[in-house]
N, C-alpha and C. Protein backbone atom coordinates (compact mmCIF):
# COMPACT_ATOMS: atom_id res chain seq x y z
N MET A 1 14.26 57.33 2.23
CA MET A 1 15.46 57.74 1.51
C MET A 1 16.16 56.52 0.97
N ALA A 2 16.38 55.49 1.80
CA ALA A 2 17.11 54.31 1.37
C ALA A 2 16.37 53.58 0.27
N LEU A 3 15.07 53.45 0.39
CA LEU A 3 14.31 52.78 -0.65
C LEU A 3 14.37 53.53 -1.95
N ALA A 4 14.33 54.86 -1.90
CA ALA A 4 14.46 55.67 -3.09
C ALA A 4 15.81 55.46 -3.73
N LYS A 5 16.83 55.36 -2.95
CA LYS A 5 18.17 55.12 -3.47
C LYS A 5 18.24 53.73 -4.16
N ALA A 6 17.69 52.72 -3.52
CA ALA A 6 17.69 51.39 -4.06
C ALA A 6 16.94 51.41 -5.42
N LYS A 7 15.80 52.11 -5.48
CA LYS A 7 15.05 52.15 -6.76
C LYS A 7 15.87 52.91 -7.81
N ASP A 8 16.61 53.97 -7.44
CA ASP A 8 17.41 54.69 -8.40
C ASP A 8 18.54 53.78 -8.93
N ILE A 9 19.13 53.01 -8.08
CA ILE A 9 20.18 52.06 -8.51
C ILE A 9 19.64 51.09 -9.49
N VAL A 10 18.51 50.47 -9.14
CA VAL A 10 17.88 49.45 -9.99
C VAL A 10 17.50 50.02 -11.36
N SER A 11 17.07 51.29 -11.38
CA SER A 11 16.67 51.85 -12.69
C SER A 11 17.89 52.39 -13.48
N SER A 12 19.01 52.45 -12.86
CA SER A 12 20.19 53.08 -13.55
C SER A 12 21.13 52.00 -14.18
N ALA A 13 20.90 50.76 -13.83
CA ALA A 13 21.78 49.70 -14.40
C ALA A 13 20.94 48.54 -14.89
N PRO A 14 21.38 47.88 -15.99
CA PRO A 14 20.56 46.83 -16.53
C PRO A 14 20.49 45.57 -15.59
N VAL A 15 21.56 45.29 -14.84
CA VAL A 15 21.54 44.21 -13.89
C VAL A 15 22.16 44.68 -12.59
N VAL A 16 21.40 44.48 -11.48
CA VAL A 16 21.91 44.92 -10.16
C VAL A 16 21.75 43.71 -9.23
N VAL A 17 22.82 43.51 -8.45
CA VAL A 17 22.82 42.52 -7.43
C VAL A 17 23.05 43.21 -6.08
N PHE A 18 22.06 43.21 -5.17
CA PHE A 18 22.29 43.64 -3.79
C PHE A 18 22.81 42.43 -3.05
N SER A 19 23.99 42.66 -2.40
CA SER A 19 24.77 41.54 -1.89
C SER A 19 25.39 41.91 -0.57
N LYS A 20 26.06 40.94 0.00
CA LYS A 20 26.92 41.15 1.19
C LYS A 20 28.19 40.37 0.91
N THR A 21 29.28 40.95 1.23
CA THR A 21 30.59 40.35 0.86
C THR A 21 30.81 38.99 1.44
N TYR A 22 30.26 38.69 2.62
CA TYR A 22 30.51 37.43 3.34
C TYR A 22 29.42 36.36 3.00
N CYS A 23 28.45 36.70 2.24
CA CYS A 23 27.30 35.77 1.98
C CYS A 23 27.68 34.80 0.87
N GLY A 24 27.65 33.47 1.19
CA GLY A 24 27.94 32.42 0.23
C GLY A 24 26.97 32.44 -0.94
N TYR A 25 25.67 32.65 -0.70
CA TYR A 25 24.67 32.69 -1.73
C TYR A 25 24.93 33.84 -2.68
N CYS A 26 25.33 34.98 -2.14
CA CYS A 26 25.67 36.16 -2.93
C CYS A 26 26.84 35.85 -3.84
N LYS A 27 27.88 35.20 -3.23
CA LYS A 27 29.04 34.85 -4.01
C LYS A 27 28.71 33.91 -5.17
N ARG A 28 27.81 32.98 -4.92
CA ARG A 28 27.41 32.06 -6.01
C ARG A 28 26.75 32.75 -7.13
N VAL A 29 25.88 33.71 -6.84
CA VAL A 29 25.22 34.49 -7.89
C VAL A 29 26.23 35.36 -8.66
N ARG A 30 27.12 36.01 -7.93
CA ARG A 30 28.13 36.83 -8.59
C ARG A 30 29.02 35.95 -9.46
N GLN A 31 29.39 34.73 -9.01
CA GLN A 31 30.23 33.86 -9.79
C GLN A 31 29.48 33.40 -11.09
N LEU A 32 28.20 33.10 -10.96
CA LEU A 32 27.45 32.65 -12.13
C LEU A 32 27.38 33.78 -13.17
N LEU A 33 27.05 34.98 -12.73
CA LEU A 33 26.99 36.11 -13.68
C LEU A 33 28.32 36.34 -14.35
N ALA A 34 29.41 36.30 -13.53
CA ALA A 34 30.74 36.48 -14.11
C ALA A 34 31.11 35.36 -15.06
N GLN A 35 30.75 34.12 -14.72
CA GLN A 35 30.99 32.99 -15.58
C GLN A 35 30.29 33.13 -16.96
N LEU A 36 29.10 33.72 -16.92
CA LEU A 36 28.31 33.91 -18.11
C LEU A 36 28.87 35.09 -18.95
N GLY A 37 29.74 35.93 -18.29
CA GLY A 37 30.29 37.09 -18.98
C GLY A 37 29.34 38.29 -18.92
N ALA A 38 28.38 38.29 -18.00
CA ALA A 38 27.44 39.41 -17.90
C ALA A 38 28.09 40.55 -17.14
N SER A 39 27.79 41.74 -17.60
CA SER A 39 28.16 42.92 -16.80
C SER A 39 27.01 43.26 -15.88
N TYR A 40 27.39 43.58 -14.65
CA TYR A 40 26.36 43.82 -13.63
C TYR A 40 26.90 44.77 -12.57
N GLU A 41 25.99 45.44 -11.85
CA GLU A 41 26.33 46.30 -10.79
C GLU A 41 26.12 45.57 -9.47
N VAL A 42 27.10 45.60 -8.61
CA VAL A 42 27.02 44.95 -7.31
C VAL A 42 26.97 46.03 -6.25
N ILE A 43 26.00 45.94 -5.41
CA ILE A 43 25.89 46.87 -4.24
C ILE A 43 26.08 45.99 -3.02
N GLU A 44 27.24 46.10 -2.40
CA GLU A 44 27.57 45.35 -1.23
C GLU A 44 27.06 46.09 0.01
N LEU A 45 25.95 45.62 0.49
CA LEU A 45 25.24 46.33 1.61
C LEU A 45 26.08 46.41 2.87
N ASP A 46 27.02 45.50 3.08
CA ASP A 46 27.86 45.59 4.28
C ASP A 46 29.08 46.51 4.07
N VAL A 47 29.22 47.08 2.85
CA VAL A 47 30.33 48.01 2.56
C VAL A 47 29.81 49.40 2.36
N GLU A 48 28.63 49.51 1.74
CA GLU A 48 28.06 50.87 1.46
C GLU A 48 27.83 51.64 2.71
N SER A 49 28.11 52.90 2.70
CA SER A 49 27.97 53.73 3.85
C SER A 49 26.55 53.73 4.39
N ASP A 50 25.56 53.64 3.51
CA ASP A 50 24.15 53.58 3.95
C ASP A 50 23.57 52.19 3.68
N GLY A 51 24.36 51.22 3.56
CA GLY A 51 23.90 49.85 3.31
C GLY A 51 23.00 49.29 4.41
N SER A 52 23.37 49.66 5.68
CA SER A 52 22.57 49.19 6.79
C SER A 52 21.17 49.85 6.77
N GLU A 53 21.04 50.99 6.16
CA GLU A 53 19.71 51.61 5.99
C GLU A 53 18.98 51.04 4.81
N MET A 54 19.73 50.70 3.73
CA MET A 54 19.15 50.20 2.51
C MET A 54 18.62 48.79 2.67
N HIS A 55 19.34 47.98 3.45
CA HIS A 55 18.90 46.54 3.61
C HIS A 55 17.51 46.42 4.17
N PRO A 56 17.16 47.14 5.28
CA PRO A 56 15.77 47.05 5.75
C PRO A 56 14.76 47.57 4.74
N ALA A 57 15.19 48.48 3.87
CA ALA A 57 14.23 48.93 2.81
C ALA A 57 13.96 47.84 1.83
N LEU A 58 14.84 46.87 1.76
CA LEU A 58 14.65 45.73 0.87
C LEU A 58 14.21 44.50 1.68
N VAL A 59 13.66 44.74 2.85
CA VAL A 59 13.35 43.70 3.82
C VAL A 59 12.49 42.54 3.22
N GLU A 60 11.72 42.86 2.19
CA GLU A 60 10.88 41.82 1.62
C GLU A 60 11.74 40.70 0.98
N TRP A 61 12.98 41.01 0.70
CA TRP A 61 13.89 40.08 0.06
C TRP A 61 15.12 39.86 0.84
N THR A 62 15.66 38.68 0.79
CA THR A 62 16.95 38.42 1.42
C THR A 62 18.02 38.79 0.41
N VAL A 63 19.30 38.70 0.82
CA VAL A 63 20.39 38.89 -0.13
C VAL A 63 20.80 37.52 -0.58
N PRO A 64 21.22 37.33 -1.81
CA PRO A 64 21.27 38.38 -2.81
C PRO A 64 19.88 38.69 -3.34
N ASN A 65 19.73 39.92 -3.88
CA ASN A 65 18.59 40.38 -4.57
C ASN A 65 19.02 40.73 -5.96
N VAL A 66 18.51 40.06 -6.98
CA VAL A 66 18.92 40.34 -8.33
C VAL A 66 17.79 41.00 -9.13
N PHE A 67 18.15 42.08 -9.76
CA PHE A 67 17.21 42.83 -10.62
C PHE A 67 17.78 42.82 -12.00
N ILE A 68 16.95 42.47 -12.99
CA ILE A 68 17.36 42.50 -14.43
C ILE A 68 16.35 43.31 -15.14
N GLY A 69 16.88 44.37 -15.84
CA GLY A 69 15.99 45.25 -16.58
C GLY A 69 15.01 45.96 -15.68
N GLY A 70 15.41 46.26 -14.47
CA GLY A 70 14.53 46.95 -13.53
C GLY A 70 13.52 46.08 -12.83
N ASN A 71 13.49 44.80 -13.20
CA ASN A 71 12.51 43.88 -12.60
C ASN A 71 13.18 42.95 -11.59
N HIS A 72 12.52 42.74 -10.49
CA HIS A 72 13.06 41.87 -9.45
C HIS A 72 13.00 40.42 -9.94
N VAL A 73 14.13 39.74 -9.95
CA VAL A 73 14.20 38.34 -10.38
C VAL A 73 14.09 37.45 -9.15
N GLY A 74 14.87 37.72 -8.14
CA GLY A 74 14.86 36.93 -6.89
C GLY A 74 16.21 36.74 -6.31
N GLY A 75 16.32 35.75 -5.46
CA GLY A 75 17.55 35.46 -4.81
C GLY A 75 18.33 34.35 -5.48
N CYS A 76 19.26 33.78 -4.80
CA CYS A 76 20.14 32.74 -5.36
C CYS A 76 19.39 31.59 -5.95
N ASP A 77 18.47 30.97 -5.19
CA ASP A 77 17.76 29.82 -5.70
C ASP A 77 17.01 30.11 -6.95
N VAL A 78 16.37 31.24 -7.02
CA VAL A 78 15.58 31.61 -8.20
C VAL A 78 16.50 31.83 -9.42
N VAL A 79 17.59 32.52 -9.20
CA VAL A 79 18.54 32.79 -10.30
C VAL A 79 19.12 31.50 -10.83
N LEU A 80 19.56 30.62 -9.89
CA LEU A 80 20.11 29.36 -10.32
C LEU A 80 19.06 28.48 -11.06
N GLU A 81 17.83 28.50 -10.56
CA GLU A 81 16.74 27.78 -11.22
C GLU A 81 16.49 28.30 -12.62
N ARG A 82 16.43 29.59 -12.74
CA ARG A 82 16.22 30.26 -14.06
C ARG A 82 17.35 29.86 -15.02
N HIS A 83 18.56 29.78 -14.50
CA HIS A 83 19.69 29.40 -15.35
C HIS A 83 19.53 27.93 -15.81
N ASP A 84 19.19 27.06 -14.83
CA ASP A 84 19.05 25.64 -15.14
C ASP A 84 17.90 25.43 -16.19
N GLU A 85 16.87 26.27 -16.14
CA GLU A 85 15.78 26.17 -17.07
C GLU A 85 16.05 26.81 -18.42
N GLY A 86 17.21 27.45 -18.57
CA GLY A 86 17.59 28.11 -19.80
C GLY A 86 16.91 29.50 -19.96
N LYS A 87 16.40 30.06 -18.86
CA LYS A 87 15.72 31.37 -18.97
C LYS A 87 16.61 32.55 -18.62
N LEU A 88 17.71 32.31 -17.89
CA LEU A 88 18.50 33.45 -17.40
C LEU A 88 19.27 34.11 -18.53
N VAL A 89 19.96 33.33 -19.38
CA VAL A 89 20.76 33.90 -20.44
C VAL A 89 19.96 34.76 -21.37
N PRO A 90 18.78 34.30 -21.89
CA PRO A 90 17.96 35.15 -22.69
C PRO A 90 17.55 36.45 -21.97
N GLN A 91 17.27 36.33 -20.71
CA GLN A 91 16.87 37.54 -19.96
C GLN A 91 18.09 38.51 -19.86
N LEU A 92 19.26 38.00 -19.66
CA LEU A 92 20.44 38.87 -19.63
C LEU A 92 20.74 39.45 -21.00
N MET A 93 20.52 38.69 -22.02
CA MET A 93 20.70 39.21 -23.40
C MET A 93 19.70 40.31 -23.68
N GLY A 94 18.48 40.11 -23.24
CA GLY A 94 17.47 41.13 -23.40
C GLY A 94 17.75 42.41 -22.68
N ALA A 95 18.53 42.29 -21.59
CA ALA A 95 18.91 43.50 -20.82
C ALA A 95 20.15 44.13 -21.44
N GLY A 96 20.77 43.45 -22.40
CA GLY A 96 21.90 44.02 -23.13
C GLY A 96 23.22 43.85 -22.41
N VAL A 97 23.28 42.87 -21.47
CA VAL A 97 24.54 42.62 -20.75
C VAL A 97 25.31 41.43 -21.23
N LEU A 98 24.76 40.72 -22.22
CA LEU A 98 25.39 39.57 -22.82
C LEU A 98 25.20 39.73 -24.33
N PRO A 99 26.20 39.37 -25.12
CA PRO A 99 26.01 39.44 -26.57
C PRO A 99 25.11 38.26 -27.02
N SER A 100 24.43 38.48 -28.08
CA SER A 100 23.61 37.38 -28.64
C SER A 100 24.56 36.36 -29.25
N PRO A 101 24.13 35.11 -29.33
CA PRO A 101 24.99 34.03 -29.83
C PRO A 101 25.56 34.30 -31.23
N ALA A 102 24.82 35.06 -32.05
CA ALA A 102 25.27 35.32 -33.43
C ALA A 102 26.39 36.31 -33.48
N GLU A 103 26.65 37.04 -32.41
CA GLU A 103 27.65 38.08 -32.43
C GLU A 103 29.03 37.53 -32.24
């Protein structure tokens, strides 16, 4: 049930961050996305009523878990690396959560 809910969430929003409110890595990813002006859905697993059930369903990944366009991107290190390599912004633009530079 929890895995099905996580999949529904991922498929219903262009960018999803599974997070925990007290996690410093999660905060860093949320700050970066906000700094870039991206719109995204945050699922705080420590606040959601079924977050404790959903987290084990995502056990293959730690938090944060970032999904863009329904695809798993990774955690904090991967997201920051993609940004440093210039790959994150185009991916966010492709998901429609950032305007293109010409706009």
